[in-house]
Amino acid sequence: MTESLLLTIGRRVVLTMQQSLTTMRSTPQRIADVSLIALFVFAISLPVLKMFVSSDESEVIAIEQRRMAPFPELEYRRVGSILWAKKRSLQDFPRAFEAWYDDHVGFRFSLIRCYNMAKVVGLTVENSLKTGEAAQGNVIVGRDGWLYLGGSSNIRDFRRSDCYTPADLAAWHAALAQRRDWLAARGSGYAFLVAPNKATIYPEFMPRSMSKTDLPSRLEQLLAEVS
């Protein structure tokens, strides 16, 4: 009985406070609140509205080299005089509808670009990136907005902190010599080419924190071994 009475009193107090706060709000404040809510609803409705105005199918075909996901259709079976949707069709519908919506939502490419830019500058929870850090190990943010392929092996290779051992160099030398001799025996020459990566061509835009050691690079070690 006491708990019920206290609960009733508490509800009355909260209700009275809410009414007091509502009364205290000025008319301009109410207009600002309603305007903000209306603006928010309009903003989140724009992509849906654009879906029915125009399609980005040509951009998807040109950029992603694929067709947009079609709208899912339910499969039916007849039970007497009634058509019932098949269970498997109902189970697959949410996933298929999500794929269709993801492809057809308005301003799709603009939203993807904004999201990726937010990831780069650290505005999302998923990636809070700074210059010199890697996004999930795949991207290194360089200076002046330059992006490089990440991964621990690429970073070690650029910094020259993971040199070949004598055994590694001997294995490389033996493998290259075997290929050269095999082709020479058949009247063919052998050329071994090493394609440079982006960090090798444009090292000046790599993060300053990724300084190089004084050790030779793997390529320099290999060239010295086979020359």
Protein backbone atom coordinates (compact mmCIF):
# COMPACT_ATOMS: atom_id res chain seq x y z
CA MET A 1 0.00 0.00 0.00
CA THR A 2 2.85 2.36 0.92
CA GLU A 3 4.79 1.49 -2.28
CA SER A 4 1.69 2.14 -4.39
CA LEU A 5 1.18 5.50 -2.71
CA LEU A 6 4.80 6.52 -3.23
CA LEU A 7 4.64 5.46 -6.89
CA THR A 8 1.50 7.56 -7.40
CA ILE A 9 3.08 10.56 -5.74
CA GLY A 10 6.23 10.16 -7.86
CA ARG A 11 4.25 10.08 -11.07
CA ARG A 12 2.36 13.22 -10.05
CA VAL A 13 5.64 15.01 -9.31
CA VAL A 14 7.13 14.07 -12.69
CA LEU A 15 3.95 15.09 -14.50
CA THR A 16 3.90 18.42 -12.66
CA MET A 17 7.56 19.07 -13.58
CA GLN A 18 6.90 18.28 -17.22
CA GLN A 19 3.94 20.61 -17.28
CA SER A 20 6.00 23.33 -15.62
CA LEU A 21 8.81 22.97 -18.17
CA THR A 22 6.31 23.07 -21.02
CA THR A 23 4.72 26.22 -19.61
CA MET A 24 8.12 27.84 -19.17
CA ARG A 25 9.00 27.34 -22.83
CA SER A 26 8.58 30.53 -24.79
CA THR A 27 6.80 30.69 -28.11
CA PRO A 28 10.08 31.26 -30.08
CA GLN A 29 11.56 28.19 -28.42
CA ARG A 30 8.58 26.08 -29.43
CA ILE A 31 8.85 27.35 -33.00
CA ALA A 32 12.56 26.49 -33.03
CA ASP A 33 11.85 22.99 -31.72
CA VAL A 34 9.15 22.33 -34.31
CA SER A 35 11.36 23.72 -37.08
CA LEU A 36 14.25 21.50 -36.04
CA ILE A 37 12.03 18.41 -36.00
CA ALA A 38 10.58 19.30 -39.40
CA LEU A 39 14.05 19.86 -40.84
CA PHE A 40 15.24 16.51 -39.49
CA VAL A 41 12.26 14.64 -40.93
CA PHE A 42 12.74 16.36 -44.29
CA ALA A 43 16.47 15.51 -44.36
CA ILE A 44 15.99 11.80 -43.66
CA SER A 45 13.11 11.65 -46.17
CA LEU A 46 15.08 13.13 -49.07
CA PRO A 47 16.94 9.93 -50.06
CA VAL A 48 13.68 7.97 -50.08
CA LEU A 49 11.93 10.64 -52.14
CA LYS A 50 14.75 10.68 -54.70
CA MET A 51 14.34 6.93 -55.21
CA PHE A 52 11.06 7.61 -56.98
CA VAL A 53 12.39 10.53 -59.03
CA SER A 54 15.59 9.22 -60.61
CA SER A 55 17.83 6.16 -60.59
CA ASP A 56 21.61 5.80 -60.28
CA GLU A 57 21.66 2.58 -62.32
CA SER A 58 23.92 4.03 -65.01
CA GLU A 59 26.49 5.03 -62.38
CA VAL A 60 26.34 1.63 -60.71
CA ILE A 61 26.91 -0.09 -64.07
CA ALA A 62 29.76 2.27 -65.01
CA ILE A 63 31.55 2.36 -61.65
CA GLU A 64 30.76 -0.97 -60.00
CA GLN A 65 30.38 -2.99 -63.21
CA ARG A 66 27.19 -4.71 -62.12
CA ARG A 67 23.42 -4.47 -62.27
CA MET A 68 21.41 -3.04 -59.41
CA ALA A 69 19.60 -5.52 -57.20
CA PRO A 70 16.00 -6.07 -58.35
CA PHE A 71 13.01 -5.63 -56.10
CA PRO A 72 12.32 -8.99 -54.42
CA GLU A 73 9.21 -10.90 -55.38
CA LEU A 74 7.41 -13.32 -53.11
CA GLU A 75 6.67 -16.82 -54.33
CA TYR A 76 3.23 -18.22 -53.61
CA ARG A 77 1.62 -21.61 -53.41
CA ARG A 78 -2.06 -22.34 -53.60
CA VAL A 79 -3.78 -24.00 -50.67
CA GLY A 80 -7.32 -24.60 -51.76
CA SER A 81 -8.60 -21.29 -53.02
CA ILE A 82 -6.05 -19.21 -51.04
CA LEU A 83 -2.57 -18.16 -52.14
CA TRP A 84 0.01 -18.39 -49.37
CA ALA A 85 3.54 -16.99 -49.57
CA LYS A 86 6.18 -19.71 -49.40
CA LYS A 87 8.12 -19.88 -46.14
CA ARG A 88 11.53 -19.72 -47.84
CA SER A 89 10.40 -16.73 -49.88
CA LEU A 90 9.35 -14.90 -46.72
CA GLN A 91 12.65 -15.72 -45.04
CA ASP A 92 14.69 -14.41 -47.99
CA PHE A 93 12.61 -11.26 -48.48
CA PRO A 94 14.22 -9.04 -45.78
CA ARG A 95 17.75 -9.69 -47.05
CA ALA A 96 16.73 -9.21 -50.69
CA PHE A 97 14.82 -6.03 -49.85
CA GLU A 98 17.82 -4.63 -48.01
CA ALA A 99 20.01 -5.29 -51.05
CA TRP A 100 17.46 -3.54 -53.28
CA TYR A 101 17.19 -0.57 -50.93
CA ASP A 102 20.97 -0.23 -50.58
CA ASP A 103 21.31 -0.02 -54.36
CA HIS A 104 18.37 2.31 -55.02
CA VAL A 105 18.46 4.72 -52.08
CA GLY A 106 18.74 8.32 -53.22
CA PHE A 107 22.09 10.14 -53.22
CA ARG A 108 23.78 6.76 -52.82
CA PHE A 109 27.18 7.73 -54.20
CA SER A 110 27.17 11.08 -52.42
CA LEU A 111 26.39 9.38 -49.11
CA ILE A 112 29.08 6.73 -49.67
CA ARG A 113 31.63 9.41 -50.47
CA CYS A 114 30.69 11.46 -47.41
CA TYR A 115 30.91 8.37 -45.21
CA ASN A 116 34.35 7.45 -46.59
CA MET A 117 35.58 11.01 -46.11
CA ALA A 118 34.26 10.92 -42.55
CA LYS A 119 36.23 7.72 -41.96
CA VAL A 120 39.40 9.37 -43.24
CA VAL A 121 39.13 12.48 -41.06
CA GLY A 122 38.01 10.47 -38.04
CA LEU A 123 34.37 11.44 -37.70
CA THR A 124 33.04 7.89 -37.33
CA VAL A 125 33.26 5.42 -34.50
CA GLU A 126 34.55 2.76 -36.88
CA ASN A 127 37.72 4.66 -37.75
CA SER A 128 39.28 7.53 -35.88
CA LEU A 129 42.23 8.11 -38.17
CA LYS A 130 45.16 10.44 -37.85
CA THR A 131 48.01 11.04 -40.25
CA GLY A 132 50.28 8.05 -40.10
CA GLU A 133 47.66 5.61 -38.86
CA ALA A 134 46.05 2.81 -40.84
CA ALA A 135 42.33 2.19 -41.30
CA GLN A 136 41.83 -1.45 -40.29
CA GLY A 137 45.30 -2.14 -41.74
CA ASN A 138 44.24 -1.34 -45.31
CA VAL A 139 44.88 2.38 -45.75
CA ILE A 140 47.62 4.72 -44.57
CA VAL A 141 46.65 8.39 -44.37
CA GLY A 142 49.57 10.40 -45.72
CA ARG A 143 50.27 14.10 -45.93
CA ASP A 144 48.07 16.45 -47.96
CA GLY A 145 45.29 13.88 -48.12
CA TRP A 146 47.34 11.19 -49.86
CA LEU A 147 46.32 7.58 -49.24
CA TYR A 148 48.62 4.58 -49.38
CA LEU A 149 48.09 0.85 -49.22
CA GLY A 150 48.44 -0.24 -45.62
CA GLY A 151 49.31 -3.55 -44.07
CA SER A 152 52.17 -4.35 -41.72
CA SER A 153 54.32 -5.82 -44.51
CA ASN A 154 54.05 -2.67 -46.63
CA ILE A 155 54.93 -0.47 -43.67
CA ARG A 156 57.93 -2.62 -42.74
CA ASP A 157 59.07 -2.66 -46.36
CA PHE A 158 58.87 1.14 -46.63
CA ARG A 159 60.66 1.71 -43.35
CA ARG A 160 63.29 -0.94 -44.24
CA SER A 161 62.80 -2.60 -40.88
CA ASP A 162 62.35 -6.15 -42.17
CA CYS A 163 65.38 -6.98 -44.28
CA TYR A 164 66.09 -10.27 -46.00
CA THR A 165 68.22 -12.77 -44.13
CA PRO A 166 71.17 -14.44 -45.90
CA ALA A 167 69.05 -17.57 -46.23
CA ASP A 168 66.24 -15.57 -47.87
CA LEU A 169 68.66 -14.04 -50.38
CA ALA A 170 70.17 -17.41 -51.19
CA ALA A 171 66.69 -18.86 -51.83
CA TRP A 172 65.80 -15.96 -54.12
CA HIS A 173 69.08 -16.32 -56.02
CA ALA A 174 68.57 -20.04 -56.50
CA ALA A 175 64.95 -19.63 -57.67
CA LEU A 176 65.80 -16.91 -60.19
CA ALA A 177 68.80 -18.80 -61.50
CA GLN A 178 66.72 -21.96 -61.93
CA ARG A 179 64.09 -20.11 -63.95
CA ARG A 180 66.76 -18.40 -66.08
CA ASP A 181 68.54 -21.65 -66.84
CA TRP A 182 65.28 -23.50 -67.60
CA LEU A 183 64.28 -20.88 -70.14
CA ALA A 184 67.78 -20.60 -71.59
CA ALA A 185 67.79 -24.32 -72.29
CA ARG A 186 64.71 -23.75 -74.44
CA GLY A 187 66.07 -20.74 -76.25
CA SER A 188 64.24 -18.08 -74.25
CA GLY A 189 65.52 -15.19 -72.24
CA TYR A 190 64.38 -14.37 -68.74
CA ALA A 191 63.66 -10.90 -67.37
CA PHE A 192 62.73 -10.37 -63.74
CA LEU A 193 60.91 -7.10 -63.18
CA VAL A 194 59.89 -5.52 -59.88
CA ALA A 195 56.95 -3.11 -60.06
CA PRO A 196 57.33 -0.19 -57.64
CA ASN A 197 54.58 0.58 -55.20
CA LYS A 198 53.05 4.00 -54.57
CA ALA A 199 55.16 4.70 -51.50
CA THR A 200 58.32 4.14 -53.53
CA ILE A 201 57.29 6.59 -56.26
CA TYR A 202 55.83 9.25 -53.94
CA PRO A 203 57.65 8.84 -50.61
CA GLU A 204 57.44 12.57 -49.87
CA PHE A 205 53.74 12.28 -49.00
CA MET A 206 54.13 9.40 -46.58
CA PRO A 207 53.56 10.29 -42.90
CA ARG A 208 56.58 11.83 -41.19
CA SER A 209 56.22 9.31 -38.40
CA MET A 210 57.15 6.51 -40.82
CA SER A 211 60.81 7.35 -41.15
CA LYS A 212 63.21 5.01 -42.91
CA THR A 213 66.09 3.23 -41.25
CA ASP A 214 69.63 3.33 -42.61
CA LEU A 215 69.41 -0.31 -43.69
CA PRO A 216 69.16 -1.28 -47.39
CA SER A 217 65.72 -2.05 -48.78
CA ARG A 218 64.76 -5.57 -49.79
CA LEU A 219 65.05 -4.60 -53.44
CA GLU A 220 68.54 -3.20 -52.93
CA GLN A 221 69.53 -6.40 -51.12
CA LEU A 222 68.15 -8.56 -53.92
CA LEU A 223 69.85 -6.55 -56.67
CA ALA A 224 73.16 -6.77 -54.84
CA GLU A 225 72.72 -10.53 -54.47
CA VAL A 226 71.94 -11.33 -58.10
CA SER A 227 74.19 -8.77 -59.81
